[in-house]
N, C-alpha and C. Protein backbone atom coordinates (compact mmCIF):
# COMPACT_ATOMS: atom_id res chain seq x y z
N MET A 1 -242.92 -92.49 -142.20
CA MET A 1 -241.72 -93.29 -141.97
C MET A 1 -240.53 -92.45 -141.74
N MET A 2 -240.45 -91.54 -142.75
CA MET A 2 -239.12 -90.52 -142.56
C MET A 2 -239.18 -89.71 -141.34
N GLN A 3 -240.39 -89.28 -141.01
CA GLN A 3 -240.50 -88.39 -139.68
C GLN A 3 -240.04 -89.21 -138.47
N ALA A 4 -240.47 -90.50 -138.50
CA ALA A 4 -240.01 -91.41 -137.30
C ALA A 4 -238.60 -91.58 -137.25
N SER A 5 -237.88 -91.84 -138.23
CA SER A 5 -236.67 -92.06 -138.41
C SER A 5 -235.85 -90.72 -138.02
N LYS A 6 -236.27 -89.59 -138.38
CA LYS A 6 -235.68 -88.22 -138.02
C LYS A 6 -235.78 -88.14 -136.59
N LEU A 7 -237.01 -88.52 -136.11
CA LEU A 7 -237.21 -88.36 -134.54
C LEU A 7 -236.25 -89.24 -133.86
N ILE A 8 -236.13 -90.44 -134.30
CA ILE A 8 -235.23 -91.35 -133.57
C ILE A 8 -233.77 -90.93 -133.52
N VAL A 9 -233.34 -90.42 -134.62
CA VAL A 9 -231.99 -89.90 -134.77
C VAL A 9 -231.92 -88.62 -133.86
N LEU A 10 -232.71 -87.84 -133.86
CA LEU A 10 -232.70 -86.66 -132.93
C LEU A 10 -232.77 -87.13 -131.45
N ILE A 11 -233.52 -87.98 -130.97
CA ILE A 11 -233.54 -88.58 -129.66
C ILE A 11 -232.06 -89.09 -129.37
N LEU A 12 -231.67 -89.88 -130.26
CA LEU A 12 -230.35 -90.56 -129.91
C LEU A 12 -229.10 -89.58 -129.87
N GLY A 13 -229.39 -88.63 -130.74
CA GLY A 13 -228.28 -87.49 -130.59
C GLY A 13 -228.29 -86.89 -129.26
N LEU A 14 -229.48 -86.49 -128.93
CA LEU A 14 -229.69 -85.75 -127.45
C LEU A 14 -229.15 -86.69 -126.47
N MET A 15 -229.41 -87.93 -126.48
CA MET A 15 -228.93 -88.83 -125.51
C MET A 15 -227.40 -89.08 -125.41
N VAL A 16 -226.80 -88.95 -126.58
CA VAL A 16 -225.37 -89.03 -126.62
C VAL A 16 -224.69 -87.79 -126.17
N ALA A 17 -225.30 -86.55 -126.64
CA ALA A 17 -224.77 -85.27 -126.26
C ALA A 17 -225.14 -84.76 -124.82
N ALA A 18 -226.01 -85.36 -124.25
CA ALA A 18 -226.45 -84.88 -122.84
C ALA A 18 -225.34 -84.98 -121.82
N PRO A 19 -224.49 -85.89 -121.73
CA PRO A 19 -223.44 -86.01 -120.72
C PRO A 19 -222.48 -84.71 -120.99
N ALA A 20 -222.24 -84.29 -122.08
CA ALA A 20 -221.34 -83.26 -122.49
C ALA A 20 -221.88 -81.87 -122.10
N TRP A 21 -223.24 -81.77 -122.03
CA TRP A 21 -223.79 -80.58 -121.64
C TRP A 21 -224.21 -80.46 -120.11
N ALA A 22 -223.99 -81.59 -119.33
CA ALA A 22 -224.33 -81.58 -118.02
C ALA A 22 -223.34 -80.75 -117.25
N GLU A 23 -223.83 -80.35 -116.05
CA GLU A 23 -222.91 -79.52 -115.15
C GLU A 23 -221.99 -80.53 -114.55
N PRO A 24 -220.69 -80.11 -114.38
CA PRO A 24 -219.74 -81.09 -113.71
C PRO A 24 -220.05 -81.25 -112.28
N GLN A 25 -219.90 -82.41 -111.95
CA GLN A 25 -219.97 -82.79 -110.47
C GLN A 25 -218.75 -82.31 -109.56
N THR A 26 -218.98 -81.51 -108.56
CA THR A 26 -217.89 -81.00 -107.89
C THR A 26 -217.91 -81.30 -106.35
N ASP A 27 -218.87 -82.11 -105.88
CA ASP A 27 -219.02 -82.28 -104.53
C ASP A 27 -218.32 -83.54 -104.02
N LEU A 28 -217.47 -84.22 -104.95
CA LEU A 28 -216.78 -85.40 -104.49
C LEU A 28 -215.38 -84.82 -103.93
N ASP A 29 -214.86 -85.51 -102.91
CA ASP A 29 -213.63 -85.12 -102.40
C ASP A 29 -212.54 -86.03 -102.86
N VAL A 30 -211.37 -86.08 -102.16
CA VAL A 30 -210.36 -86.86 -102.60
C VAL A 30 -210.62 -88.27 -102.80
N ALA A 31 -211.41 -88.75 -101.84
CA ALA A 31 -211.89 -90.28 -101.80
C ALA A 31 -212.81 -90.61 -103.05
N GLY A 32 -213.29 -89.49 -103.67
CA GLY A 32 -214.35 -89.65 -104.74
C GLY A 32 -213.63 -89.88 -105.98
N THR A 33 -214.28 -89.73 -107.05
CA THR A 33 -213.78 -90.00 -108.46
C THR A 33 -213.37 -88.70 -109.22
N LEU A 34 -213.74 -87.52 -108.64
CA LEU A 34 -213.41 -86.32 -109.34
C LEU A 34 -212.47 -85.36 -108.64
N ASP A 35 -211.66 -84.90 -109.28
CA ASP A 35 -210.73 -83.77 -108.68
C ASP A 35 -211.38 -82.37 -108.87
N GLU A 36 -210.54 -81.41 -108.36
CA GLU A 36 -210.94 -79.94 -108.50
C GLU A 36 -211.19 -79.48 -109.83
N ARG A 37 -210.39 -80.18 -110.78
CA ARG A 37 -210.69 -79.68 -112.24
C ARG A 37 -211.97 -80.40 -112.69
N ASN A 38 -212.75 -81.01 -112.02
CA ASN A 38 -213.99 -81.58 -112.42
C ASN A 38 -213.86 -82.74 -113.40
N GLY A 39 -212.80 -83.38 -113.36
CA GLY A 39 -212.53 -84.51 -114.34
C GLY A 39 -212.35 -85.83 -113.46
N PRO A 40 -212.40 -86.87 -114.19
CA PRO A 40 -212.08 -88.15 -113.49
C PRO A 40 -210.53 -88.04 -112.77
N MET A 41 -210.37 -88.60 -111.72
CA MET A 41 -208.98 -88.57 -111.07
C MET A 41 -208.27 -89.62 -111.64
N THR A 42 -207.08 -89.24 -112.08
CA THR A 42 -206.01 -90.17 -112.62
C THR A 42 -205.22 -90.79 -111.41
N ALA A 43 -204.53 -91.88 -111.60
CA ALA A 43 -203.60 -92.39 -110.57
C ALA A 43 -202.77 -91.30 -110.08
N THR A 44 -202.26 -90.40 -111.05
CA THR A 44 -201.28 -89.35 -110.48
C THR A 44 -202.03 -88.49 -109.61
N ASP A 45 -203.30 -88.05 -109.90
CA ASP A 45 -204.07 -87.13 -109.18
C ASP A 45 -204.23 -87.68 -107.79
N LYS A 46 -204.44 -88.93 -107.66
CA LYS A 46 -204.50 -89.68 -106.33
C LYS A 46 -203.35 -89.63 -105.50
N ILE A 47 -202.21 -89.84 -106.09
CA ILE A 47 -200.87 -89.88 -105.57
C ILE A 47 -200.57 -88.38 -105.11
N VAL A 48 -200.88 -87.47 -105.98
CA VAL A 48 -200.66 -85.94 -105.55
C VAL A 48 -201.56 -85.68 -104.37
N ASP A 49 -202.76 -86.04 -104.39
CA ASP A 49 -203.58 -85.82 -103.18
C ASP A 49 -203.12 -86.42 -101.88
N GLN A 50 -202.57 -87.61 -102.05
CA GLN A 50 -202.08 -88.12 -100.83
C GLN A 50 -200.79 -87.59 -100.34
N PHE A 51 -199.88 -87.05 -101.25
CA PHE A 51 -198.76 -86.31 -100.88
C PHE A 51 -199.09 -85.00 -100.26
N MET A 52 -200.13 -84.27 -100.66
CA MET A 52 -200.53 -83.08 -100.14
C MET A 52 -201.15 -83.17 -98.79
N LYS A 53 -201.49 -84.40 -98.34
CA LYS A 53 -202.04 -84.50 -97.06
C LYS A 53 -200.93 -84.43 -96.04
N LEU A 54 -199.68 -84.58 -96.50
CA LEU A 54 -198.43 -84.26 -95.66
C LEU A 54 -198.35 -82.89 -95.10
N ASN A 55 -199.08 -81.90 -95.83
CA ASN A 55 -199.02 -80.58 -95.32
C ASN A 55 -199.78 -80.33 -94.06
N LEU A 56 -199.06 -80.44 -92.93
CA LEU A 56 -199.74 -80.24 -91.62
C LEU A 56 -200.45 -78.99 -91.31
N ASN A 57 -200.09 -77.94 -92.14
CA ASN A 57 -200.54 -76.55 -91.80
C ASN A 57 -200.90 -75.92 -93.10
N PRO A 58 -202.06 -76.40 -93.63
CA PRO A 58 -202.42 -75.86 -94.94
C PRO A 58 -202.84 -74.38 -94.94
N ASP A 59 -203.24 -73.82 -93.64
CA ASP A 59 -203.47 -72.46 -93.69
C ASP A 59 -202.29 -71.57 -93.91
N ALA A 60 -201.01 -72.07 -93.47
CA ALA A 60 -199.88 -71.30 -93.65
C ALA A 60 -199.17 -71.38 -94.98
N SER A 61 -199.49 -72.58 -95.64
CA SER A 61 -198.81 -72.68 -97.15
C SER A 61 -199.69 -73.70 -97.93
N ASP A 62 -199.41 -73.64 -99.16
CA ASP A 62 -200.08 -74.51 -100.17
C ASP A 62 -199.34 -75.60 -100.50
N GLY A 63 -198.17 -75.85 -99.83
CA GLY A 63 -197.32 -76.98 -100.19
C GLY A 63 -196.80 -77.68 -99.04
N VAL A 64 -196.07 -78.75 -99.31
CA VAL A 64 -195.44 -79.64 -98.24
C VAL A 64 -193.99 -79.11 -98.10
N ASP A 65 -193.55 -78.87 -96.87
CA ASP A 65 -192.29 -78.36 -96.69
C ASP A 65 -191.27 -79.59 -96.38
N PHE A 66 -190.07 -79.33 -96.29
CA PHE A 66 -188.98 -80.39 -96.10
C PHE A 66 -189.31 -81.14 -94.91
N GLU A 67 -189.57 -80.47 -93.79
CA GLU A 67 -189.67 -81.21 -92.46
C GLU A 67 -191.00 -82.10 -92.60
N GLU A 68 -192.03 -81.63 -93.15
CA GLU A 68 -193.32 -82.58 -93.23
C GLU A 68 -192.95 -83.81 -94.26
N PHE A 69 -192.22 -83.51 -95.22
CA PHE A 69 -191.76 -84.68 -96.21
C PHE A 69 -190.87 -85.57 -95.41
N GLN A 70 -189.84 -85.07 -94.67
CA GLN A 70 -188.93 -85.92 -93.98
C GLN A 70 -189.64 -86.70 -93.01
N SER A 71 -190.56 -86.09 -92.12
CA SER A 71 -191.28 -86.86 -91.16
C SER A 71 -191.96 -88.10 -91.85
N MET A 72 -192.53 -88.01 -93.03
CA MET A 72 -193.21 -89.04 -93.63
C MET A 72 -192.16 -90.25 -93.89
N VAL A 73 -190.97 -89.68 -94.53
CA VAL A 73 -189.96 -90.66 -94.97
C VAL A 73 -189.51 -91.41 -93.72
N ILE A 74 -189.21 -90.81 -92.62
CA ILE A 74 -188.82 -91.37 -91.44
C ILE A 74 -189.79 -92.42 -90.93
N GLU A 75 -191.09 -92.00 -90.90
CA GLU A 75 -192.09 -92.82 -90.39
C GLU A 75 -192.15 -94.10 -91.22
N ARG A 76 -192.11 -93.93 -92.50
CA ARG A 76 -192.17 -95.16 -93.35
C ARG A 76 -191.09 -96.02 -93.20
N ALA A 77 -189.77 -95.49 -93.08
CA ALA A 77 -188.56 -96.19 -93.03
C ALA A 77 -188.60 -96.99 -91.74
N THR A 78 -188.99 -96.35 -90.55
CA THR A 78 -188.99 -97.04 -89.29
C THR A 78 -189.99 -98.12 -89.46
N ALA A 79 -191.15 -98.11 -89.99
CA ALA A 79 -192.08 -99.20 -90.10
C ALA A 79 -191.46 -100.33 -90.99
N ARG A 80 -190.93 -99.91 -92.09
CA ARG A 80 -190.33 -100.98 -92.95
C ARG A 80 -189.07 -101.65 -92.24
N PHE A 81 -188.37 -100.97 -91.43
CA PHE A 81 -187.20 -101.46 -90.71
C PHE A 81 -187.78 -102.56 -89.79
N ALA A 82 -188.83 -102.06 -89.13
CA ALA A 82 -189.40 -103.03 -88.06
C ALA A 82 -189.87 -104.38 -88.62
N LYS A 83 -190.42 -104.31 -89.88
CA LYS A 83 -190.75 -105.44 -90.65
C LYS A 83 -189.63 -106.42 -91.05
N MET A 84 -188.49 -105.70 -91.36
CA MET A 84 -187.32 -106.58 -91.70
C MET A 84 -186.60 -107.19 -90.46
N ASP A 85 -186.58 -106.47 -89.36
CA ASP A 85 -186.03 -106.89 -88.11
C ASP A 85 -186.85 -107.80 -87.30
N ALA A 86 -186.89 -109.09 -87.84
CA ALA A 86 -187.87 -110.16 -87.30
C ALA A 86 -187.67 -110.40 -85.94
N ASN A 87 -186.43 -110.23 -85.43
CA ASN A 87 -186.35 -110.68 -83.97
C ASN A 87 -186.37 -109.41 -83.00
N GLY A 88 -186.51 -108.23 -83.64
CA GLY A 88 -186.66 -106.92 -83.01
C GLY A 88 -185.33 -106.55 -82.07
N ASN A 89 -184.17 -106.96 -82.57
CA ASN A 89 -182.98 -106.50 -81.75
C ASN A 89 -182.30 -105.27 -82.43
N GLY A 90 -183.02 -104.58 -83.37
CA GLY A 90 -182.44 -103.34 -83.99
C GLY A 90 -181.35 -103.67 -84.97
N GLU A 91 -181.29 -104.81 -85.45
CA GLU A 91 -180.27 -105.12 -86.58
C GLU A 91 -180.90 -106.08 -87.39
N VAL A 92 -180.64 -105.75 -88.76
CA VAL A 92 -181.21 -106.75 -89.69
C VAL A 92 -180.04 -107.65 -90.47
N THR A 93 -180.34 -108.92 -90.19
CA THR A 93 -179.24 -109.82 -90.73
C THR A 93 -179.61 -110.11 -92.19
N ALA A 94 -178.58 -110.76 -92.89
CA ALA A 94 -178.86 -111.03 -94.27
C ALA A 94 -180.15 -112.22 -94.34
N ASP A 95 -180.24 -113.00 -93.41
CA ASP A 95 -181.34 -113.96 -93.40
C ASP A 95 -182.62 -113.18 -93.25
N GLU A 96 -182.79 -112.34 -92.29
CA GLU A 96 -183.99 -111.49 -92.05
C GLU A 96 -184.37 -110.61 -93.21
N TYR A 97 -183.33 -110.21 -93.97
CA TYR A 97 -183.50 -109.38 -95.12
C TYR A 97 -184.09 -110.10 -96.23
N ARG A 98 -183.46 -111.25 -96.26
CA ARG A 98 -183.79 -112.28 -97.49
C ARG A 98 -185.30 -112.72 -97.35
N THR A 99 -185.62 -113.05 -96.07
CA THR A 99 -186.92 -113.53 -95.65
C THR A 99 -188.01 -112.24 -96.00
N PHE A 100 -187.56 -111.24 -95.46
CA PHE A 100 -188.42 -110.00 -95.78
C PHE A 100 -188.61 -109.74 -97.27
N TRP A 101 -187.48 -109.69 -97.96
CA TRP A 101 -187.62 -109.46 -99.44
C TRP A 101 -188.48 -110.50 -100.15
N ASN A 102 -188.28 -111.69 -99.89
CA ASN A 102 -189.11 -112.88 -100.50
C ASN A 102 -190.68 -112.63 -100.08
N ASN A 103 -190.89 -112.15 -98.86
CA ASN A 103 -192.28 -112.15 -98.42
C ASN A 103 -192.93 -110.86 -98.81
N GLN A 104 -192.15 -109.64 -98.97
CA GLN A 104 -192.62 -108.30 -99.03
C GLN A 104 -192.50 -107.53 -100.35
N LYS A 105 -191.62 -108.12 -101.17
CA LYS A 105 -191.05 -107.32 -102.34
C LYS A 105 -192.29 -106.74 -103.22
N ALA A 106 -193.32 -107.48 -103.34
CA ALA A 106 -194.50 -107.20 -104.21
C ALA A 106 -195.15 -105.93 -103.62
N GLN A 107 -195.04 -105.77 -102.30
CA GLN A 107 -195.74 -104.60 -101.73
C GLN A 107 -194.94 -103.33 -101.96
N TYR A 108 -193.71 -103.37 -102.11
CA TYR A 108 -192.76 -102.32 -102.33
C TYR A 108 -192.39 -101.90 -103.61
N TYR A 109 -192.42 -103.04 -104.46
CA TYR A 109 -191.87 -102.75 -105.84
C TYR A 109 -192.90 -103.29 -106.78
N ARG A 110 -193.11 -102.51 -108.00
CA ARG A 110 -193.97 -102.97 -108.94
C ARG A 110 -193.27 -103.89 -109.90
N LEU A 111 -193.94 -104.83 -110.29
CA LEU A 111 -193.39 -105.99 -111.33
C LEU A 111 -193.45 -105.29 -112.58
N LYS A 112 -192.33 -105.66 -113.32
CA LYS A 112 -192.41 -105.27 -114.81
C LYS A 112 -193.55 -105.78 -115.45
N ARG A 113 -194.12 -104.88 -116.32
CA ARG A 113 -195.22 -105.37 -117.13
C ARG A 113 -195.02 -105.78 -118.49
């Protein structure tokens, strides 16, 4: 009986330790669950990866330059303004902005938790 319980403890110990000894999975990309550090991607890792996609010329640099960043800001601001300008006349009135804010604020702002 003592041998069987020792064997069970040994098997359970190996089962618990096996994941720690396993080779890290490195074949998943940004859309996967692992980053280049071979760990689970955090929310911050995913945001950084999205930001780095702004680098239009990765062969020339490892970072995002101001023009690439500014291009993204202008693109997003243009799209947001178009959503606010309900009648498309190039001007946002108080009523248009109020409607936009009431309908879209959750998309742009996190609620306090």
